[in-house]
């Protein structure tokens, strides 16, 4: 993300190039100049949005954690009687879901084609569908106007403020990249919707779904 560029601008005094030594001199003799404060505000606003998303997502994932735990308890310890196990594609979905709810290790044993397992998968699918709906509603209501106003101000004034502080237009250009508006798609990429598993099993090389 472009936030790394901002952090680089904020932390220039930690590097060893000549332009950065001049920035260090300015920052050492005076309070943080306007361009540094501006960059910090943009970076802080982005981190605040991410933290809001993490907190809300963690709340909404509660029912999923319980549903995953119930399903994992039904993992078969060995080959099933009828040879039927959960389809690899569905197993992969459950692995993604486990990672999302904070269960690090994937289920290493297959899920058997039994009533309790089918019921648990359907319960998990229902919980995920509900989560995806709630998460979409949260993202749709997310207000990005403030951070985009800050980004617009960064694009407009950062170079001018840096040039005034460093007394050099050439030095001011070093490391600068304009920031595009933050869109909901950018946030969704960080916190995606979850795949919905289905009770689809394999038996003797054939795939079958349990209706």
C-alpha atoms as a PDB file:
ATOM      1  CA  UNK A   1       0.000   0.000   0.000  1.00  0.00           C
ATOM      2  CA  UNK A   2       1.040   3.625  -0.473  1.00  0.00           C
ATOM      3  CA  UNK A   3       1.076   3.986   3.324  1.00  0.00           C
ATOM      4  CA  UNK A   4       4.613   2.551   3.234  1.00  0.00           C
ATOM      5  CA  UNK A   5       5.674   5.601   1.230  1.00  0.00           C
ATOM      6  CA  UNK A   6       4.215   7.870   3.892  1.00  0.00           C
ATOM      7  CA  UNK A   7       5.963   5.973   6.670  1.00  0.00           C
ATOM      8  CA  UNK A   8       9.203   6.319   4.730  1.00  0.00           C
ATOM      9  CA  UNK A   9       8.687  10.070   4.602  1.00  0.00           C
ATOM     10  CA  UNK A  10       7.917  10.225   8.303  1.00  0.00           C
ATOM     11  CA  UNK A  11      10.995   8.184   9.220  1.00  0.00           C
ATOM     12  CA  UNK A  12      13.535   9.894   6.947  1.00  0.00           C
ATOM     13  CA  UNK A  13      15.741  10.839   9.871  1.00  0.00           C
ATOM     14  CA  UNK A  14      16.543   7.149  10.424  1.00  0.00           C
ATOM     15  CA  UNK A  15      18.306   6.751   7.061  1.00  0.00           C
ATOM     16  CA  UNK A  16      21.816   7.760   6.118  1.00  0.00           C
ATOM     17  CA  UNK A  17      21.652   9.573   2.758  1.00  0.00           C
ATOM     18  CA  UNK A  18      22.652  13.232   2.510  1.00  0.00           C
ATOM     19  CA  UNK A  19      19.088  14.475   1.852  1.00  0.00           C
ATOM     20  CA  UNK A  20      17.898  12.555   4.868  1.00  0.00           C
ATOM     21  CA  UNK A  21      20.660  14.045   6.986  1.00  0.00           C
ATOM     22  CA  UNK A  22      19.320  17.460   6.066  1.00  0.00           C
ATOM     23  CA  UNK A  23      15.826  16.341   7.088  1.00  0.00           C
ATOM     24  CA  UNK A  24      17.286  15.076  10.357  1.00  0.00           C
ATOM     25  CA  UNK A  25      18.919  18.444  10.926  1.00  0.00           C
ATOM     26  CA  UNK A  26      15.622  20.252  10.391  1.00  0.00           C
ATOM     27  CA  UNK A  27      13.709  17.858  12.625  1.00  0.00           C
ATOM     28  CA  UNK A  28      16.393  18.028  15.300  1.00  0.00           C
ATOM     29  CA  UNK A  29      16.331  21.797  15.564  1.00  0.00           C
ATOM     30  CA  UNK A  30      12.605  22.416  15.316  1.00  0.00           C
ATOM     31  CA  UNK A  31       9.295  20.752  16.026  1.00  0.00           C
ATOM     32  CA  UNK A  32       8.138  18.258  13.401  1.00  0.00           C
ATOM     33  CA  UNK A  33       7.514  20.323  10.254  1.00  0.00           C
ATOM     34  CA  UNK A  34       4.169  20.485   8.511  1.00  0.00           C
ATOM     35  CA  UNK A  35       4.982  17.848   5.890  1.00  0.00           C
ATOM     36  CA  UNK A  36       5.838  15.289   8.569  1.00  0.00           C
ATOM     37  CA  UNK A  37       2.696  16.043  10.560  1.00  0.00           C
ATOM     38  CA  UNK A  38       0.620  15.761   7.401  1.00  0.00           C
ATOM     39  CA  UNK A  39       2.133  12.376   6.515  1.00  0.00           C
ATOM     40  CA  UNK A  40       1.535  11.129  10.051  1.00  0.00           C
ATOM     41  CA  UNK A  41      -2.125  12.160   9.953  1.00  0.00           C
ATOM     42  CA  UNK A  42      -2.686  10.224   6.729  1.00  0.00           C
ATOM     43  CA  UNK A  43      -0.901   7.113   8.032  1.00  0.00           C
ATOM     44  CA  UNK A  44      -2.706   7.281  11.388  1.00  0.00           C
ATOM     45  CA  UNK A  45      -6.096   7.634   9.684  1.00  0.00           C
ATOM     46  CA  UNK A  46      -5.424   4.520   7.622  1.00  0.00           C
ATOM     47  CA  UNK A  47      -4.344   2.515  10.675  1.00  0.00           C
ATOM     48  CA  UNK A  48      -7.461   3.671  12.518  1.00  0.00           C
ATOM     49  CA  UNK A  49      -9.696   2.338   9.740  1.00  0.00           C
ATOM     50  CA  UNK A  50      -7.866  -0.988   9.758  1.00  0.00           C
ATOM     51  CA  UNK A  51      -8.211  -1.240  13.532  1.00  0.00           C
ATOM     52  CA  UNK A  52     -11.944  -0.523  13.351  1.00  0.00           C
ATOM     53  CA  UNK A  53     -12.275  -3.273  10.770  1.00  0.00           C
ATOM     54  CA  UNK A  54     -10.263  -5.748  12.862  1.00  0.00           C
ATOM     55  CA  UNK A  55     -12.356  -5.106  15.969  1.00  0.00           C
ATOM     56  CA  UNK A  56     -15.715  -5.396  14.200  1.00  0.00           C
ATOM     57  CA  UNK A  57     -14.625  -8.436  12.206  1.00  0.00           C
ATOM     58  CA  UNK A  58     -13.440 -10.150  15.379  1.00  0.00           C
ATOM     59  CA  UNK A  59     -16.859  -9.580  16.953  1.00  0.00           C
ATOM     60  CA  UNK A  60     -18.694 -10.997  13.956  1.00  0.00           C
ATOM     61  CA  UNK A  61     -16.441 -14.055  13.772  1.00  0.00           C
ATOM     62  CA  UNK A  62     -17.541 -15.307  17.211  1.00  0.00           C
ATOM     63  CA  UNK A  63     -20.340 -17.606  15.972  1.00  0.00           C
ATOM     64  CA  UNK A  64     -18.039 -18.946  13.250  1.00  0.00           C
ATOM     65  CA  UNK A  65     -15.422 -19.973  15.793  1.00  0.00           C
ATOM     66  CA  UNK A  66     -17.978 -22.072  17.627  1.00  0.00           C
ATOM     67  CA  UNK A  67     -19.275 -23.622  14.400  1.00  0.00           C
ATOM     68  CA  UNK A  68     -15.734 -24.475  13.252  1.00  0.00           C
ATOM     69  CA  UNK A  69     -14.907 -26.020  16.621  1.00  0.00           C
ATOM     70  CA  UNK A  70     -17.973 -28.265  16.410  1.00  0.00           C
ATOM     71  CA  UNK A  71     -17.087 -29.370  12.901  1.00  0.00           C
ATOM     72  CA  UNK A  72     -13.451 -30.052  13.783  1.00  0.00           C
ATOM     73  CA  UNK A  73     -14.588 -32.312  16.612  1.00  0.00           C
ATOM     74  CA  UNK A  74     -16.186 -34.559  13.983  1.00  0.00           C
ATOM     75  CA  UNK A  75     -13.023 -35.072  11.923  1.00  0.00           C
ATOM     76  CA  UNK A  76     -12.604 -38.789  11.354  1.00  0.00           C
ATOM     77  CA  UNK A  77      -9.520 -40.355  12.996  1.00  0.00           C
ATOM     78  CA  UNK A  78      -8.996 -42.683  10.021  1.00  0.00           C
ATOM     79  CA  UNK A  79     -10.620 -44.146   6.888  1.00  0.00           C
ATOM     80  CA  UNK A  80     -14.402 -43.985   6.965  1.00  0.00           C
ATOM     81  CA  UNK A  81     -16.571 -47.093   6.734  1.00  0.00           C
ATOM     82  CA  UNK A  82     -18.075 -46.197   3.364  1.00  0.00           C
ATOM     83  CA  UNK A  83     -14.911 -44.539   2.036  1.00  0.00           C
ATOM     84  CA  UNK A  84     -16.643 -41.195   1.684  1.00  0.00           C
ATOM     85  CA  UNK A  85     -14.727 -38.082   2.761  1.00  0.00           C
ATOM     86  CA  UNK A  86     -15.251 -34.365   2.292  1.00  0.00           C
ATOM     87  CA  UNK A  87     -14.324 -33.149  -1.180  1.00  0.00           C
ATOM     88  CA  UNK A  88     -10.831 -31.534  -1.286  1.00  0.00           C
ATOM     89  CA  UNK A  89     -12.274 -28.235  -2.530  1.00  0.00           C
ATOM     90  CA  UNK A  90     -14.614 -28.079   0.462  1.00  0.00           C
ATOM     91  CA  UNK A  91     -11.792 -29.091   2.787  1.00  0.00           C
ATOM     92  CA  UNK A  92      -9.742 -26.186   1.381  1.00  0.00           C
ATOM     93  CA  UNK A  93     -12.589 -23.774   2.114  1.00  0.00           C
ATOM     94  CA  UNK A  94     -12.696 -24.950   5.713  1.00  0.00           C
ATOM     95  CA  UNK A  95      -8.938 -24.397   5.929  1.00  0.00           C
ATOM     96  CA  UNK A  96      -9.418 -20.771   4.838  1.00  0.00           C
ATOM     97  CA  UNK A  97     -12.204 -20.332   7.382  1.00  0.00           C
ATOM     98  CA  UNK A  98     -10.063 -21.801  10.156  1.00  0.00           C
ATOM     99  CA  UNK A  99      -7.338 -19.297   9.377  1.00  0.00           C
ATOM    100  CA  UNK A 100      -9.834 -16.434   9.423  1.00  0.00           C
ATOM    101  CA  UNK A 101     -11.157 -17.354  12.874  1.00  0.00           C
ATOM    102  CA  UNK A 102      -7.657 -17.797  14.281  1.00  0.00           C
ATOM    103  CA  UNK A 103      -7.305 -21.579  14.309  1.00  0.00           C
ATOM    104  CA  UNK A 104      -3.773 -21.984  13.054  1.00  0.00           C
ATOM    105  CA  UNK A 105      -3.605 -25.698  12.376  1.00  0.00           C
ATOM    106  CA  UNK A 106      -5.807 -27.157   9.636  1.00  0.00           C
ATOM    107  CA  UNK A 107      -7.872 -30.285  10.184  1.00  0.00           C
ATOM    108  CA  UNK A 108      -5.540 -33.099   9.163  1.00  0.00           C
ATOM    109  CA  UNK A 109      -8.139 -35.849   9.363  1.00  0.00           C
ATOM    110  CA  UNK A 110     -10.887 -36.198   6.751  1.00  0.00           C
ATOM    111  CA  UNK A 111     -14.479 -35.343   7.486  1.00  0.00           C
ATOM    112  CA  UNK A 112     -16.678 -38.391   7.049  1.00  0.00           C
ATOM    113  CA  UNK A 113     -19.978 -38.540   5.223  1.00  0.00           C
ATOM    114  CA  UNK A 114     -22.168 -38.827   8.301  1.00  0.00           C
ATOM    115  CA  UNK A 115     -25.315 -37.067   9.460  1.00  0.00           C
ATOM    116  CA  UNK A 116     -23.600 -35.161  12.233  1.00  0.00           C
ATOM    117  CA  UNK A 117     -20.837 -33.966   9.905  1.00  0.00           C
ATOM    118  CA  UNK A 118     -23.315 -32.924   7.207  1.00  0.00           C
ATOM    119  CA  UNK A 119     -25.352 -31.050   9.802  1.00  0.00           C
ATOM    120  CA  UNK A 120     -22.227 -29.323  11.150  1.00  0.00           C
ATOM    121  CA  UNK A 121     -21.151 -28.251   7.658  1.00  0.00           C
ATOM    122  CA  UNK A 122     -24.584 -26.822   6.955  1.00  0.00           C
ATOM    123  CA  UNK A 123     -24.522 -24.991  10.278  1.00  0.00           C
ATOM    124  CA  UNK A 124     -21.114 -23.533   9.399  1.00  0.00           C
ATOM    125  CA  UNK A 125     -22.335 -22.534   5.929  1.00  0.00           C
ATOM    126  CA  UNK A 126     -25.306 -20.733   7.481  1.00  0.00           C
ATOM    127  CA  UNK A 127     -23.034 -18.926   9.938  1.00  0.00           C
ATOM    128  CA  UNK A 128     -20.699 -17.835   7.139  1.00  0.00           C
ATOM    129  CA  UNK A 129     -23.540 -16.589   4.945  1.00  0.00           C
ATOM    130  CA  UNK A 130     -24.772 -14.513   7.875  1.00  0.00           C
ATOM    131  CA  UNK A 131     -21.239 -13.224   8.572  1.00  0.00           C
ATOM    132  CA  UNK A 132     -20.699 -12.268   4.922  1.00  0.00           C
ATOM    133  CA  UNK A 133     -23.948 -10.316   4.932  1.00  0.00           C
ATOM    134  CA  UNK A 134     -23.066  -8.476   8.134  1.00  0.00           C
ATOM    135  CA  UNK A 135     -19.520  -7.796   6.965  1.00  0.00           C
ATOM    136  CA  UNK A 136     -20.723  -6.421   3.622  1.00  0.00           C
ATOM    137  CA  UNK A 137     -23.143  -4.120   5.451  1.00  0.00           C
ATOM    138  CA  UNK A 138     -20.340  -2.893   7.718  1.00  0.00           C
ATOM    139  CA  UNK A 139     -18.045  -2.126   4.782  1.00  0.00           C
ATOM    140  CA  UNK A 140     -20.845  -0.410   2.868  1.00  0.00           C
ATOM    141  CA  UNK A 141     -21.400   1.906   5.840  1.00  0.00           C
ATOM    142  CA  UNK A 142     -17.682   2.621   6.328  1.00  0.00           C
ATOM    143  CA  UNK A 143     -17.051   6.352   5.989  1.00  0.00           C
ATOM    144  CA  UNK A 144     -13.947   6.980   3.875  1.00  0.00           C
ATOM    145  CA  UNK A 145     -14.576  10.688   3.319  1.00  0.00           C
ATOM    146  CA  UNK A 146     -12.232  11.867   6.078  1.00  0.00           C
ATOM    147  CA  UNK A 147      -9.241   9.767   5.082  1.00  0.00           C
ATOM    148  CA  UNK A 148      -9.704  10.657   1.420  1.00  0.00           C
ATOM    149  CA  UNK A 149      -9.800  14.339   2.329  1.00  0.00           C
ATOM    150  CA  UNK A 150      -6.507  13.820   4.159  1.00  0.00           C
ATOM    151  CA  UNK A 151      -5.059  12.010   1.143  1.00  0.00           C
ATOM    152  CA  UNK A 152      -6.146  14.805  -1.150  1.00  0.00           C
ATOM    153  CA  UNK A 153      -4.472  17.335   1.146  1.00  0.00           C
ATOM    154  CA  UNK A 154      -1.348  15.186   1.172  1.00  0.00           C
ATOM    155  CA  UNK A 155      -1.213  15.173  -2.626  1.00  0.00           C
ATOM    156  CA  UNK A 156      -1.798  18.927  -2.803  1.00  0.00           C
ATOM    157  CA  UNK A 157       0.453  20.281  -0.081  1.00  0.00           C
ATOM    158  CA  UNK A 158       3.028  17.688   1.002  1.00  0.00           C
ATOM    159  CA  UNK A 159       5.669  18.621  -1.584  1.00  0.00           C
ATOM    160  CA  UNK A 160       5.232  22.343  -0.971  1.00  0.00           C
ATOM    161  CA  UNK A 161       5.539  21.935   2.796  1.00  0.00           C
ATOM    162  CA  UNK A 162       8.555  19.663   2.450  1.00  0.00           C
ATOM    163  CA  UNK A 163      10.235  22.064   0.033  1.00  0.00           C
ATOM    164  CA  UNK A 164       9.718  24.911   2.494  1.00  0.00           C
ATOM    165  CA  UNK A 165      11.243  22.829   5.294  1.00  0.00           C
ATOM    166  CA  UNK A 166      14.243  21.543   3.301  1.00  0.00           C
ATOM    167  CA  UNK A 167      14.718  24.631   1.114  1.00  0.00           C
ATOM    168  CA  UNK A 168      15.015  22.446  -1.970  1.00  0.00           C
ATOM    169  CA  UNK A 169      12.454  21.350  -4.556  1.00  0.00           C
ATOM    170  CA  UNK A 170      14.777  18.527  -5.655  1.00  0.00           C
ATOM    171  CA  UNK A 171      15.077  17.084  -2.150  1.00  0.00           C
ATOM    172  CA  UNK A 172      11.344  17.433  -1.603  1.00  0.00           C
ATOM    173  CA  UNK A 173      10.612  15.159  -4.565  1.00  0.00           C
ATOM    174  CA  UNK A 174      12.644  12.250  -3.162  1.00  0.00           C
ATOM    175  CA  UNK A 175      10.383   9.325  -2.240  1.00  0.00           C
ATOM    176  CA  UNK A 176       7.129  11.152  -2.953  1.00  0.00           C
ATOM    177  CA  UNK A 177       4.212   9.297  -4.536  1.00  0.00           C
ATOM    178  CA  UNK A 178       0.697  10.700  -4.729  1.00  0.00           C
ATOM    179  CA  UNK A 179      -1.966   8.690  -2.910  1.00  0.00           C
ATOM    180  CA  UNK A 180      -5.100   7.495  -4.717  1.00  0.00           C
ATOM    181  CA  UNK A 181      -8.446   7.713  -2.913  1.00  0.00           C
ATOM    182  CA  UNK A 182      -9.054   4.801  -0.577  1.00  0.00           C
ATOM    183  CA  UNK A 183     -11.937   2.682  -1.868  1.00  0.00           C
ATOM    184  CA  UNK A 184     -14.012  -0.011  -0.215  1.00  0.00           C
ATOM    185  CA  UNK A 185     -12.414  -2.541  -2.531  1.00  0.00           C
ATOM    186  CA  UNK A 186      -9.044  -1.751  -0.933  1.00  0.00           C
ATOM    187  CA  UNK A 187     -10.470  -2.508   2.500  1.00  0.00           C
ATOM    188  CA  UNK A 188     -12.228  -5.638   1.270  1.00  0.00           C
ATOM    189  CA  UNK A 189      -8.920  -6.892  -0.127  1.00  0.00           C
ATOM    190  CA  UNK A 190      -7.501  -6.662   3.392  1.00  0.00           C
ATOM    191  CA  UNK A 191     -10.574  -8.258   4.983  1.00  0.00           C
ATOM    192  CA  UNK A 192     -12.304 -10.477   2.379  1.00  0.00           C
ATOM    193  CA  UNK A 193     -15.573 -12.346   2.524  1.00  0.00           C
ATOM    194  CA  UNK A 194     -15.328 -16.018   3.460  1.00  0.00           C
ATOM    195  CA  UNK A 195     -16.039 -19.013   1.207  1.00  0.00           C
ATOM    196  CA  UNK A 196     -19.144 -21.036   2.002  1.00  0.00           C
ATOM    197  CA  UNK A 197     -18.535 -24.797   2.252  1.00  0.00           C
ATOM    198  CA  UNK A 198     -21.035 -27.398   1.064  1.00  0.00           C
ATOM    199  CA  UNK A 199     -21.581 -31.023   2.175  1.00  0.00           C
ATOM    200  CA  UNK A 200     -19.885 -32.403  -0.935  1.00  0.00           C
ATOM    201  CA  UNK A 201     -18.065 -35.705  -0.529  1.00  0.00           C
ATOM    202  CA  UNK A 202     -15.945 -38.047  -2.585  1.00  0.00           C
ATOM    203  CA  UNK A 203     -16.485 -41.794  -2.683  1.00  0.00           C
ATOM    204  CA  UNK A 204     -14.428 -44.148  -4.831  1.00  0.00           C
ATOM    205  CA  UNK A 205     -13.236 -41.284  -6.985  1.00  0.00           C
ATOM    206  CA  UNK A 206     -16.721 -39.836  -7.523  1.00  0.00           C
ATOM    207  CA  UNK A 207     -18.034 -36.591  -6.085  1.00  0.00           C
ATOM    208  CA  UNK A 208     -21.511 -36.384  -4.625  1.00  0.00           C
ATOM    209  CA  UNK A 209     -23.444 -33.734  -2.734  1.00  0.00           C
ATOM    210  CA  UNK A 210     -25.715 -34.385   0.209  1.00  0.00           C
ATOM    211  CA  UNK A 211     -28.954 -32.487  -0.292  1.00  0.00           C
END
